[in-house]
PDB file of N, CA and C in Angstrom:
ATOM      1  N   UNK A   1       0.785  -1.204   0.046  1.00  0.00           N
ATOM      2  CA  UNK A   1       0.062  -0.014  -0.091  1.00  0.00           C
ATOM      3  C   UNK A   1       0.983   1.361  -0.081  1.00  0.00           C
ATOM      4  N   UNK A   2       1.968   1.145   0.788  1.00  0.00           N
ATOM      5  CA  UNK A   2       2.808   2.329   0.906  1.00  0.00           C
ATOM      6  C   UNK A   2       3.419   2.563  -0.443  1.00  0.00           C
ATOM      7  N   UNK A   3       3.729   1.553  -1.208  1.00  0.00           N
ATOM      8  CA  UNK A   3       4.605   1.668  -2.462  1.00  0.00           C
ATOM      9  C   UNK A   3       3.381   2.196  -3.495  1.00  0.00           C
ATOM     10  N   UNK A   4       2.299   2.046  -3.397  1.00  0.00           N
ATOM     11  CA  UNK A   4       1.320   2.641  -4.419  1.00  0.00           C
ATOM     12  C   UNK A   4       0.842   4.015  -3.734  1.00  0.00           C
ATOM     13  N   UNK A   5       1.336   4.516  -2.642  1.00  0.00           N
ATOM     14  CA  UNK A   5       1.211   5.969  -2.221  1.00  0.00           C
ATOM     15  C   UNK A   5      -0.299   6.019  -1.531  1.00  0.00           C
ATOM     16  N   UNK A   6      -0.857   5.092  -1.171  1.00  0.00           N
ATOM     17  CA  UNK A   6      -2.035   4.967  -0.251  1.00  0.00           C
ATOM     18  C   UNK A   6      -2.065   5.513   1.212  1.00  0.00           C
ATOM     19  N   UNK A   7      -3.035   6.296   1.595  1.00  0.00           N
ATOM     20  CA  UNK A   7      -2.752   6.914   2.662  1.00  0.00           C
ATOM     21  C   UNK A   7      -3.742   6.420   3.737  1.00  0.00           C
ATOM     22  N   UNK A   8      -4.895   6.059   3.017  1.00  0.00           N
ATOM     23  CA  UNK A   8      -5.994   5.207   3.965  1.00  0.00           C
ATOM     24  C   UNK A   8      -6.623   3.981   3.500  1.00  0.00           C
ATOM     25  N   UNK A   9      -7.080   3.300   4.171  1.00  0.00           N
ATOM     26  CA  UNK A   9      -7.625   1.936   3.880  1.00  0.00           C
ATOM     27  C   UNK A   9      -9.224   2.059   4.201  1.00  0.00           C
ATOM     28  N   UNK A  10     -10.325   1.994   3.301  1.00  0.00           N
ATOM     29  CA  UNK A  10     -11.590   1.964   3.878  1.00  0.00           C
ATOM     30  C   UNK A  10     -12.185   0.627   3.692  1.00  0.00           C
ATOM     31  N   UNK A  11     -12.602   0.133   4.760  1.00  0.00           N
ATOM     32  CA  UNK A  11     -13.465  -1.158   4.797  1.00  0.00           C
ATOM     33  C   UNK A  11     -15.000  -1.053   4.820  1.00  0.00           C
ATOM     34  N   UNK A  12     -15.599  -1.353   4.057  1.00  0.00           N
ATOM     35  CA  UNK A  12     -17.115  -1.550   4.175  1.00  0.00           C
ATOM     36  C   UNK A  12     -17.587  -3.052   4.284  1.00  0.00           C
ATOM     37  N   UNK A  13     -18.280  -3.035   5.709  1.00  0.00           N
ATOM     38  CA  UNK A  13     -18.626  -4.304   6.186  1.00  0.00           C
ATOM     39  C   UNK A  13     -19.437  -5.105   5.163  1.00  0.00           C
ATOM     40  N   UNK A  14     -20.194  -4.444   4.515  1.00  0.00           N
ATOM     41  CA  UNK A  14     -20.993  -5.424   3.416  1.00  0.00           C
ATOM     42  C   UNK A  14     -20.268  -6.075   2.392  1.00  0.00           C
ATOM     43  N   UNK A  15     -19.164  -5.385   2.133  1.00  0.00           N
ATOM     44  CA  UNK A  15     -18.044  -6.263   1.362  1.00  0.00           C
ATOM     45  C   UNK A  15     -17.268  -7.137   1.969  1.00  0.00           C
ATOM     46  N   UNK A  16     -16.900  -6.802   3.214  1.00  0.00           N
ATOM     47  CA  UNK A  16     -16.107  -7.862   4.074  1.00  0.00           C
ATOM     48  C   UNK A  16     -16.788  -8.841   4.513  1.00  0.00           C
ATOM     49  N   UNK A  17     -17.966  -8.772   4.737  1.00  0.00           N
ATOM     50  CA  UNK A  17     -18.876  -9.993   5.307  1.00  0.00           C
ATOM     51  C   UNK A  17     -20.166 -10.255   4.392  1.00  0.00           C
ATOM     52  N   UNK A  18     -19.783 -10.112   3.153  1.00  0.00           N
ATOM     53  CA  UNK A  18     -20.884 -10.258   2.206  1.00  0.00           C
ATOM     54  C   UNK A  18     -21.499 -11.641   2.200  1.00  0.00           C
ATOM     55  N   UNK A  19     -22.846 -11.994   2.200  1.00  0.00           N
ATOM     56  CA  UNK A  19     -23.577 -13.174   2.340  1.00  0.00           C
ATOM     57  C   UNK A  19     -24.634 -13.408   1.154  1.00  0.00           C
ATOM     58  N   UNK A  20     -24.718 -12.084   0.173  1.00  0.00           N
ATOM     59  CA  UNK A  20     -25.863 -12.256  -0.346  1.00  0.00           C
ATOM     60  C   UNK A  20     -25.504 -13.150  -1.660  1.00  0.00           C
ATOM     61  N   UNK A  21     -24.340 -13.154  -2.366  1.00  0.00           N
ATOM     62  CA  UNK A  21     -23.949 -13.923  -3.486  1.00  0.00           C
ATOM     63  C   UNK A  21     -23.529 -15.283  -2.988  1.00  0.00           C
ATOM     64  N   UNK A  22     -23.702 -16.113  -3.886  1.00  0.00           N
ATOM     65  CA  UNK A  22     -23.495 -17.576  -3.786  1.00  0.00           C
ATOM     66  C   UNK A  22     -21.759 -17.689  -3.728  1.00  0.00           C
ATOM     67  N   UNK A  23     -21.368 -18.705  -3.025  1.00  0.00           N
ATOM     68  CA  UNK A  23     -20.003 -18.918  -2.620  1.00  0.00           C
ATOM     69  C   UNK A  23     -19.141 -18.932  -4.163  1.00  0.00           C
ATOM     70  N   UNK A  24     -18.038 -18.414  -4.247  1.00  0.00           N
ATOM     71  CA  UNK A  24     -17.416 -18.591  -5.261  1.00  0.00           C
ATOM     72  C   UNK A  24     -17.355 -16.905  -6.138  1.00  0.00           C
ATOM     73  N   UNK A  25     -18.546 -16.275  -5.692  1.00  0.00           N
ATOM     74  CA  UNK A  25     -18.830 -15.005  -6.379  1.00  0.00           C
ATOM     75  C   UNK A  25     -18.501 -13.712  -5.572  1.00  0.00           C
ATOM     76  N   UNK A  26     -18.375 -14.099  -4.218  1.00  0.00           N
ATOM     77  CA  UNK A  26     -18.132 -12.886  -3.142  1.00  0.00           C
ATOM     78  C   UNK A  26     -16.596 -12.351  -3.514  1.00  0.00           C
ATOM     79  N   UNK A  27     -16.346 -11.252  -3.109  1.00  0.00           N
ATOM     80  CA  UNK A  27     -15.000 -10.440  -3.156  1.00  0.00           C
ATOM     81  C   UNK A  27     -14.135 -11.383  -2.315  1.00  0.00           C
ATOM     82  N   UNK A  28     -14.522 -11.656  -1.134  1.00  0.00           N
ATOM     83  CA  UNK A  28     -13.594 -12.600  -0.177  1.00  0.00           C
ATOM     84  C   UNK A  28     -13.175 -13.950  -0.889  1.00  0.00           C
ATOM     85  N   UNK A  29     -14.195 -14.410  -1.660  1.00  0.00           N
ATOM     86  CA  UNK A  29     -13.885 -15.827  -2.290  1.00  0.00           C
ATOM     87  C   UNK A  29     -12.610 -15.411  -3.426  1.00  0.00           C
ATOM     88  N   UNK A  30     -12.920 -14.236  -4.137  1.00  0.00           N
ATOM     89  CA  UNK A  30     -11.841 -14.123  -5.228  1.00  0.00           C
ATOM     90  C   UNK A  30     -10.638 -13.846  -4.791  1.00  0.00           C
ATOM     91  N   UNK A  31     -10.668 -13.105  -3.465  1.00  0.00           N
ATOM     92  CA  UNK A  31      -9.208 -12.751  -2.822  1.00  0.00           C
ATOM     93  C   UNK A  31      -8.704 -14.105  -2.309  1.00  0.00           C
ATOM     94  N   UNK A  32      -9.485 -15.277  -1.829  1.00  0.00           N
ATOM     95  CA  UNK A  32      -8.976 -16.193  -1.419  1.00  0.00           C
ATOM     96  C   UNK A  32      -8.256 -17.074  -2.383  1.00  0.00           C
ATOM     97  N   UNK A  33      -9.117 -17.091  -3.504  1.00  0.00           N
ATOM     98  CA  UNK A  33      -8.632 -17.655  -4.765  1.00  0.00           C
ATOM     99  C   UNK A  33      -7.146 -17.179  -5.153  1.00  0.00           C
ATOM    100  N   UNK A  34      -7.049 -16.071  -5.498  1.00  0.00           N
ATOM    101  CA  UNK A  34      -6.026 -15.237  -5.705  1.00  0.00           C
ATOM    102  C   UNK A  34      -4.726 -15.543  -4.882  1.00  0.00           C
ATOM    103  N   UNK A  35      -5.042 -15.629  -3.629  1.00  0.00           N
ATOM    104  CA  UNK A  35      -3.604 -16.014  -2.566  1.00  0.00           C
ATOM    105  C   UNK A  35      -3.722 -17.601  -2.511  1.00  0.00           C
ATOM    106  N   UNK A  36      -4.351 -18.346  -3.265  1.00  0.00           N
ATOM    107  CA  UNK A  36      -4.280 -19.908  -3.132  1.00  0.00           C
ATOM    108  C   UNK A  36      -4.794 -20.385  -1.884  1.00  0.00           C
ATOM    109  N   UNK A  37      -5.988 -19.803  -1.225  1.00  0.00           N
ATOM    110  CA  UNK A  37      -6.510 -20.225   0.051  1.00  0.00           C
ATOM    111  C   UNK A  37      -7.781 -20.764  -0.291  1.00  0.00           C
ATOM    112  N   UNK A  38      -8.338 -21.801   0.394  1.00  0.00           N
ATOM    113  CA  UNK A  38      -9.486 -22.370   0.362  1.00  0.00           C
ATOM    114  C   UNK A  38     -10.750 -21.289   0.736  1.00  0.00           C
ATOM    115  N   UNK A  39     -11.784 -21.424   0.057  1.00  0.00           N
ATOM    116  CA  UNK A  39     -12.734 -20.436   0.436  1.00  0.00           C
ATOM    117  C   UNK A  39     -13.552 -20.995   1.696  1.00  0.00           C
ATOM    118  N   UNK A  40     -14.177 -19.998   2.491  1.00  0.00           N
ATOM    119  CA  UNK A  40     -14.977 -20.500   3.467  1.00  0.00           C
ATOM    120  C   UNK A  40     -16.345 -21.127   3.102  1.00  0.00           C
ATOM    121  N   UNK A  41     -16.790 -21.675   4.046  1.00  0.00           N
ATOM    122  CA  UNK A  41     -18.197 -22.143   3.789  1.00  0.00           C
ATOM    123  C   UNK A  41     -18.487 -23.524   3.189  1.00  0.00           C
ATOM    124  N   UNK A  42     -19.862 -23.945   2.990  1.00  0.00           N
ATOM    125  CA  UNK A  42     -19.751 -25.403   2.271  1.00  0.00           C
ATOM    126  C   UNK A  42     -19.502 -25.219   0.957  1.00  0.00           C
ATOM    127  N   UNK A  43     -19.155 -26.202   0.578  1.00  0.00           N
ATOM    128  CA  UNK A  43     -18.788 -26.451  -1.066  1.00  0.00           C
ATOM    129  C   UNK A  43     -17.141 -27.049  -1.261  1.00  0.00           C
ATOM    130  N   UNK A  44     -17.247 -27.476  -2.496  1.00  0.00           N
ATOM    131  CA  UNK A  44     -15.860 -27.921  -3.012  1.00  0.00           C
ATOM    132  C   UNK A  44     -14.697 -26.902  -3.219  1.00  0.00           C
ATOM    133  N   UNK A  45     -13.456 -27.272  -3.146  1.00  0.00           N
ATOM    134  CA  UNK A  45     -12.484 -26.374  -3.104  1.00  0.00           C
ATOM    135  C   UNK A  45     -11.510 -27.067  -4.282  1.00  0.00           C
ATOM    136  N   UNK A  46     -10.698 -26.551  -4.873  1.00  0.00           N
ATOM    137  CA  UNK A  46      -9.566 -27.159  -5.759  1.00  0.00           C
ATOM    138  C   UNK A  46      -8.586 -27.649  -4.850  1.00  0.00           C
ATOM    139  N   UNK A  47      -8.061 -28.762  -5.189  1.00  0.00           N
ATOM    140  CA  UNK A  47      -7.155 -29.656  -4.420  1.00  0.00           C
ATOM    141  C   UNK A  47      -5.854 -28.834  -4.187  1.00  0.00           C
ATOM    142  N   UNK A  48      -5.575 -28.006  -4.930  1.00  0.00           N
ATOM    143  CA  UNK A  48      -4.362 -27.276  -4.926  1.00  0.00           C
ATOM    144  C   UNK A  48      -4.373 -26.022  -3.950  1.00  0.00           C
ATOM    145  N   UNK A  49      -5.346 -25.687  -3.522  1.00  0.00           N
ATOM    146  CA  UNK A  49      -5.750 -24.702  -2.366  1.00  0.00           C
ATOM    147  C   UNK A  49      -5.424 -24.980  -1.064  1.00  0.00           C
ATOM    148  N   UNK A  50      -4.964 -24.104  -0.133  1.00  0.00           N
ATOM    149  CA  UNK A  50      -4.614 -24.478   1.100  1.00  0.00           C
ATOM    150  C   UNK A  50      -5.234 -23.455   2.196  1.00  0.00           C
ATOM    151  N   UNK A  51      -5.269 -24.034   3.441  1.00  0.00           N
ATOM    152  CA  UNK A  51      -6.010 -23.047   4.388  1.00  0.00           C
ATOM    153  C   UNK A  51      -5.015 -21.880   4.707  1.00  0.00           C
ATOM    154  N   UNK A  52      -5.747 -20.852   4.804  1.00  0.00           N
ATOM    155  CA  UNK A  52      -4.884 -19.390   5.153  1.00  0.00           C
ATOM    156  C   UNK A  52      -4.263 -19.424   6.508  1.00  0.00           C
ATOM    157  N   UNK A  53      -3.057 -19.230   6.619  1.00  0.00           N
ATOM    158  CA  UNK A  53      -2.271 -18.935   7.784  1.00  0.00           C
ATOM    159  C   UNK A  53      -2.639 -17.818   8.838  1.00  0.00           C
ATOM    160  N   UNK A  54      -3.633 -17.186   8.412  1.00  0.00           N
ATOM    161  CA  UNK A  54      -3.924 -16.098   9.003  1.00  0.00           C
ATOM    162  C   UNK A  54      -5.340 -15.743   8.856  1.00  0.00           C
ATOM    163  N   UNK A  55      -5.899 -14.798   9.782  1.00  0.00           N
ATOM    164  CA  UNK A  55      -7.293 -14.386   9.682  1.00  0.00           C
ATOM    165  C   UNK A  55      -7.585 -13.464   8.575  1.00  0.00           C
ATOM    166  N   UNK A  56      -8.657 -13.191   8.242  1.00  0.00           N
ATOM    167  CA  UNK A  56      -8.981 -12.068   7.108  1.00  0.00           C
ATOM    168  C   UNK A  56      -8.582 -10.803   7.603  1.00  0.00           C
ATOM    169  N   UNK A  57      -8.090  -9.939   6.618  1.00  0.00           N
ATOM    170  CA  UNK A  57      -7.864  -8.511   7.154  1.00  0.00           C
ATOM    171  C   UNK A  57      -8.886  -7.831   7.717  1.00  0.00           C
ATOM    172  N   UNK A  58     -10.207  -7.940   7.020  1.00  0.00           N
ATOM    173  CA  UNK A  58     -11.103  -7.061   7.592  1.00  0.00           C
ATOM    174  C   UNK A  58     -11.590  -7.434   8.922  1.00  0.00           C
ATOM    175  N   UNK A  59     -11.248  -8.719   9.222  1.00  0.00           N
ATOM    176  CA  UNK A  59     -11.484  -9.091  10.697  1.00  0.00           C
ATOM    177  C   UNK A  59     -10.241  -8.672  11.686  1.00  0.00           C
ATOM    178  N   UNK A  60      -9.143  -9.188  11.365  1.00  0.00           N
ATOM    179  CA  UNK A  60      -7.876  -8.882  12.033  1.00  0.00           C
ATOM    180  C   UNK A  60      -7.768  -7.388  12.408  1.00  0.00           C
ATOM    181  N   UNK A  61      -7.926  -6.419  11.426  1.00  0.00           N
ATOM    182  CA  UNK A  61      -7.472  -5.145  11.818  1.00  0.00           C
ATOM    183  C   UNK A  61      -8.362  -4.482  12.764  1.00  0.00           C
ATOM    184  N   UNK A  62      -9.716  -4.960  12.955  1.00  0.00           N
ATOM    185  CA  UNK A  62     -10.377  -4.363  14.027  1.00  0.00           C
ATOM    186  C   UNK A  62     -10.155  -4.716  15.255  1.00  0.00           C
ATOM    187  N   UNK A  63      -9.303  -5.600  15.660  1.00  0.00           N
ATOM    188  CA  UNK A  63      -8.948  -6.384  16.771  1.00  0.00           C
ATOM    189  C   UNK A  63      -8.000  -5.451  17.617  1.00  0.00           C
ATOM    190  N   UNK A  64      -7.394  -4.435  16.693  1.00  0.00           N
ATOM    191  CA  UNK A  64      -6.172  -3.772  17.466  1.00  0.00           C
ATOM    192  C   UNK A  64      -5.064  -4.553  17.995  1.00  0.00           C
ATOM    193  N   UNK A  65      -4.797  -5.619  17.329  1.00  0.00           N
ATOM    194  CA  UNK A  65      -3.620  -6.172  17.466  1.00  0.00           C
ATOM    195  C   UNK A  65      -2.327  -5.420  17.154  1.00  0.00           C
ATOM    196  N   UNK A  66      -1.352  -5.695  17.889  1.00  0.00           N
ATOM    197  CA  UNK A  66      -0.179  -4.890  17.745  1.00  0.00           C
ATOM    198  C   UNK A  66       0.457  -4.904  16.297  1.00  0.00           C
ATOM    199  N   UNK A  67       0.314  -5.985  15.687  1.00  0.00           N
ATOM    200  CA  UNK A  67       0.583  -6.120  14.321  1.00  0.00           C
ATOM    201  C   UNK A  67       0.058  -5.564  13.433  1.00  0.00           C
ATOM    202  N   UNK A  68      -1.281  -5.052  13.698  1.00  0.00           N
ATOM    203  CA  UNK A  68      -1.957  -4.007  12.780  1.00  0.00           C
ATOM    204  C   UNK A  68      -1.869  -2.740  13.270  1.00  0.00           C
ATOM    205  N   UNK A  69      -1.892  -2.357  14.762  1.00  0.00           N
ATOM    206  CA  UNK A  69      -1.785  -0.674  14.934  1.00  0.00           C
ATOM    207  C   UNK A  69      -0.301  -0.495  14.829  1.00  0.00           C
ATOM    208  N   UNK A  70       0.694  -1.241  14.371  1.00  0.00           N
ATOM    209  CA  UNK A  70       1.969  -0.558  14.095  1.00  0.00           C
ATOM    210  C   UNK A  70       1.913  -0.227  12.776  1.00  0.00           C
ATOM    211  N   UNK A  71       0.857  -0.616  11.917  1.00  0.00           N
ATOM    212  CA  UNK A  71       0.867  -0.222  10.445  1.00  0.00           C
ATOM    213  C   UNK A  71      -0.427   0.755   9.935  1.00  0.00           C
ATOM    214  N   UNK A  72      -1.381   0.818  10.999  1.00  0.00           N
ATOM    215  CA  UNK A  72      -2.654   1.499  10.777  1.00  0.00           C
ATOM    216  C   UNK A  72      -3.115   2.224  11.944  1.00  0.00           C
ATOM    217  N   UNK A  73      -3.614   3.274  11.780  1.00  0.00           N
ATOM    218  CA  UNK A  73      -4.415   4.211  12.794  1.00  0.00           C
ATOM    219  C   UNK A  73      -5.918   4.215  12.454  1.00  0.00           C
ATOM    220  N   UNK A  74      -6.811   3.730  13.272  1.00  0.00           N
ATOM    221  CA  UNK A  74      -8.175   3.941  13.010  1.00  0.00           C
ATOM    222  C   UNK A  74      -8.566   5.355  13.123  1.00  0.00           C
ATOM    223  N   UNK A  75      -9.335   5.957  11.872  1.00  0.00           N
ATOM    224  CA  UNK A  75      -9.488   7.441  12.045  1.00  0.00           C
ATOM    225  C   UNK A  75     -10.958   7.576  12.171  1.00  0.00           C
ATOM    226  N   UNK A  76     -11.702   6.421  11.629  1.00  0.00           N
ATOM    227  CA  UNK A  76     -13.199   6.699  11.518  1.00  0.00           C
ATOM    228  C   UNK A  76     -14.010   5.472  11.793  1.00  0.00           C
ATOM    229  N   UNK A  77     -14.991   5.306  12.289  1.00  0.00           N
ATOM    230  CA  UNK A  77     -16.010   4.000  12.291  1.00  0.00           C
ATOM    231  C   UNK A  77     -17.243   4.390  12.475  1.00  0.00           C
ATOM    232  N   UNK A  78     -18.206   3.750  11.756  1.00  0.00           N
ATOM    233  CA  UNK A  78     -19.757   3.539  12.070  1.00  0.00           C
ATOM    234  C   UNK A  78     -20.235   2.078  11.678  1.00  0.00           C
ATOM    235  N   UNK A  79     -21.362   2.108  11.664  1.00  0.00           N
ATOM    236  CA  UNK A  79     -21.848   0.624  11.548  1.00  0.00           C
ATOM    237  C   UNK A  79     -21.581   0.165  10.111  1.00  0.00           C
ATOM    238  N   UNK A  80     -21.149   1.029   9.124  1.00  0.00           N
ATOM    239  CA  UNK A  80     -20.790   0.455   7.774  1.00  0.00           C
ATOM    240  C   UNK A  80     -19.499   0.648   7.422  1.00  0.00           C
ATOM    241  N   UNK A  81     -18.800   1.558   8.058  1.00  0.00           N
ATOM    242  CA  UNK A  81     -17.329   1.886   7.465  1.00  0.00           C
ATOM    243  C   UNK A  81     -16.425   1.754   8.462  1.00  0.00           C
ATOM    244  N   UNK A  82     -15.178   1.448   8.206  1.00  0.00           N
ATOM    245  CA  UNK A  82     -14.100   1.513   9.136  1.00  0.00           C
ATOM    246  C   UNK A  82     -12.951   2.271   8.270  1.00  0.00           C
ATOM    247  N   UNK A  83     -12.146   3.262   8.617  1.00  0.00           N
ATOM    248  CA  UNK A  83     -11.336   4.126   7.993  1.00  0.00           C
ATOM    249  C   UNK A  83     -10.070   3.921   8.822  1.00  0.00           C
ATOM    250  N   UNK A  84      -8.941   3.465   7.984  1.00  0.00           N
ATOM    251  CA  UNK A  84      -7.712   3.397   8.867  1.00  0.00           C
ATOM    252  C   UNK A  84      -6.583   4.427   7.976  1.00  0.00           C
ATOM    253  N   UNK A  85      -5.740   5.080   8.591  1.00  0.00           N
ATOM    254  CA  UNK A  85      -4.872   5.734   8.150  1.00  0.00           C
ATOM    255  C   UNK A  85      -3.390   4.729   7.980  1.00  0.00           C
ATOM    256  N   UNK A  86      -2.917   4.649   6.728  1.00  0.00           N
ATOM    257  CA  UNK A  86      -1.465   3.752   6.844  1.00  0.00           C
ATOM    258  C   UNK A  86      -0.406   4.718   7.417  1.00  0.00           C
ATOM    259  N   UNK A  87       0.161   4.083   8.201  1.00  0.00           N
ATOM    260  CA  UNK A  87       1.200   4.931   9.022  1.00  0.00           C
ATOM    261  C   UNK A  87       2.453   4.689   7.897  1.00  0.00           C
ATOM    262  N   UNK A  88       3.302   5.795   7.992  1.00  0.00           N
ATOM    263  CA  UNK A  88       4.340   6.263   7.185  1.00  0.00           C
ATOM    264  C   UNK A  88       5.580   6.080   8.133  1.00  0.00           C
ATOM    265  N   UNK A  89       6.649   5.559   7.587  1.00  0.00           N
ATOM    266  CA  UNK A  89       7.861   5.486   8.488  1.00  0.00           C
ATOM    267  C   UNK A  89       8.469   6.863   8.404  1.00  0.00           C
ATOM    268  N   UNK A  90       8.801   7.449   9.492  1.00  0.00           N
ATOM    269  CA  UNK A  90       9.436   8.671   9.984  1.00  0.00           C
ATOM    270  C   UNK A  90      10.757   8.723   9.184  1.00  0.00           C
ATOM    271  N   UNK A  91      11.210   9.781   8.648  1.00  0.00           N
ATOM    272  CA  UNK A  91      12.501   9.990   7.964  1.00  0.00           C
ATOM    273  C   UNK A  91      13.470  10.313   9.173  1.00  0.00           C
ATOM    274  N   UNK A  92      14.659   9.584   9.293  1.00  0.00           N
ATOM    275  CA  UNK A  92      15.536   9.718  10.359  1.00  0.00           C
ATOM    276  C   UNK A  92      16.526  11.258   9.857  1.00  0.00           C
ATOM    277  N   UNK A  93      16.532  12.036  10.817  1.00  0.00           N
ATOM    278  CA  UNK A  93      17.441  13.118  10.786  1.00  0.00           C
ATOM    279  C   UNK A  93      18.912  12.780  10.490  1.00  0.00           C
ATOM    280  N   UNK A  94      19.451  12.915   9.239  1.00  0.00           N
ATOM    281  CA  UNK A  94      20.743  12.615   9.078  1.00  0.00           C
ATOM    282  C   UNK A  94      21.910  13.757   9.329  1.00  0.00           C
ATOM    283  N   UNK A  95      21.314  14.822   9.789  1.00  0.00           N
ATOM    284  CA  UNK A  95      22.178  15.815  10.148  1.00  0.00           C
ATOM    285  C   UNK A  95      23.233  15.505  11.282  1.00  0.00           C
ATOM    286  N   UNK A  96      24.175  15.517  11.189  1.00  0.00           N
ATOM    287  CA  UNK A  96      25.257  15.277  12.349  1.00  0.00           C
ATOM    288  C   UNK A  96      25.607  16.659  13.100  1.00  0.00           C
ATOM    289  N   UNK A  97      25.548  17.752  12.473  1.00  0.00           N
ATOM    290  CA  UNK A  97      25.758  18.914  12.921  1.00  0.00           C
ATOM    291  C   UNK A  97      24.685  19.595  13.592  1.00  0.00           C
ATOM    292  N   UNK A  98      24.732  20.254  14.795  1.00  0.00           N
ATOM    293  CA  UNK A  98      23.492  20.980  15.284  1.00  0.00           C
ATOM    294  C   UNK A  98      23.698  22.598  14.573  1.00  0.00           C
ATOM    295  N   UNK A  99      24.373  22.851  13.709  1.00  0.00           N
ATOM    296  CA  UNK A  99      24.440  24.135  12.995  1.00  0.00           C
ATOM    297  C   UNK A  99      23.128  24.387  12.356  1.00  0.00           C
ATOM    298  N   UNK A 100      22.618  25.696  12.398  1.00  0.00           N
ATOM    299  CA  UNK A 100      21.321  25.976  11.453  1.00  0.00           C
ATOM    300  C   UNK A 100      21.888  25.953   9.937  1.00  0.00           C
ATOM    301  N   UNK A 101      20.603  25.709   9.291  1.00  0.00           N
ATOM    302  CA  UNK A 101      20.704  25.544   7.907  1.00  0.00           C
ATOM    303  C   UNK A 101      20.971  26.945   7.353  1.00  0.00           C
ATOM    304  N   UNK A 102      21.316  26.998   5.883  1.00  0.00           N
ATOM    305  CA  UNK A 102      21.460  28.422   5.313  1.00  0.00           C
ATOM    306  C   UNK A 102      20.317  29.217   5.465  1.00  0.00           C
ATOM    307  N   UNK A 103      18.987  28.729   5.094  1.00  0.00           N
ATOM    308  CA  UNK A 103      17.871  29.526   5.336  1.00  0.00           C
ATOM    309  C   UNK A 103      17.560  29.708   6.637  1.00  0.00           C
ATOM    310  N   UNK A 104      17.970  28.878   7.721  1.00  0.00           N
ATOM    311  CA  UNK A 104      17.751  29.360   9.221  1.00  0.00           C
ATOM    312  C   UNK A 104      18.508  30.558   9.318  1.00  0.00           C
ATOM    313  N   UNK A 105      19.728  30.394   8.842  1.00  0.00           N
ATOM    314  CA  UNK A 105      20.798  31.611   9.042  1.00  0.00           C
ATOM    315  C   UNK A 105      20.213  32.783   8.514  1.00  0.00           C
ATOM    316  N   UNK A 106      19.511  32.980   7.399  1.00  0.00           N
ATOM    317  CA  UNK A 106      19.088  34.029   6.700  1.00  0.00           C
ATOM    318  C   UNK A 106      17.805  34.563   7.359  1.00  0.00           C
ATOM    319  N   UNK A 107      17.005  33.740   7.947  1.00  0.00           N
ATOM    320  CA  UNK A 107      15.839  34.181   8.699  1.00  0.00           C
ATOM    321  C   UNK A 107      16.281  34.814  10.058  1.00  0.00           C
ATOM    322  N   UNK A 108      17.581  34.248  10.591  1.00  0.00           N
ATOM    323  CA  UNK A 108      17.935  35.070  11.840  1.00  0.00           C
ATOM    324  C   UNK A 108      18.679  36.296  11.657  1.00  0.00           C
ATOM    325  N   UNK A 109      19.329  36.417  10.301  1.00  0.00           N
ATOM    326  CA  UNK A 109      19.866  37.563  10.031  1.00  0.00           C
ATOM    327  C   UNK A 109      18.836  38.811  10.027  1.00  0.00           C
ATOM    328  N   UNK A 110      17.550  38.436   9.480  1.00  0.00           N
ATOM    329  CA  UNK A 110      16.549  39.334   9.226  1.00  0.00           C
ATOM    330  C   UNK A 110      15.881  39.884  10.547  1.00  0.00           C
TER     331      UNK A 110
END
């Protein structure tokens, strides 16, 4: 997400927990198949699919587990949406000298 410049993730419960469509047509099923995971619910799965080693993102991010709070800050939620800000790594200050920059020196001179 960071590489693509995403600042926020918006989760909509009706998409995360979709029940209206038949198995294999839900967004979560498509994601499972793309990741090589078996789909949840009753029905057959291709033999080359494996169980996921982790819970679904929609569920896990809402638990406020450290592994997710290190990456996301919840900024909004209601009964339909959960919005998370993607945390950015802070740039380390590489200055080794405490001397003011040229622009700071100009400001001080004025």
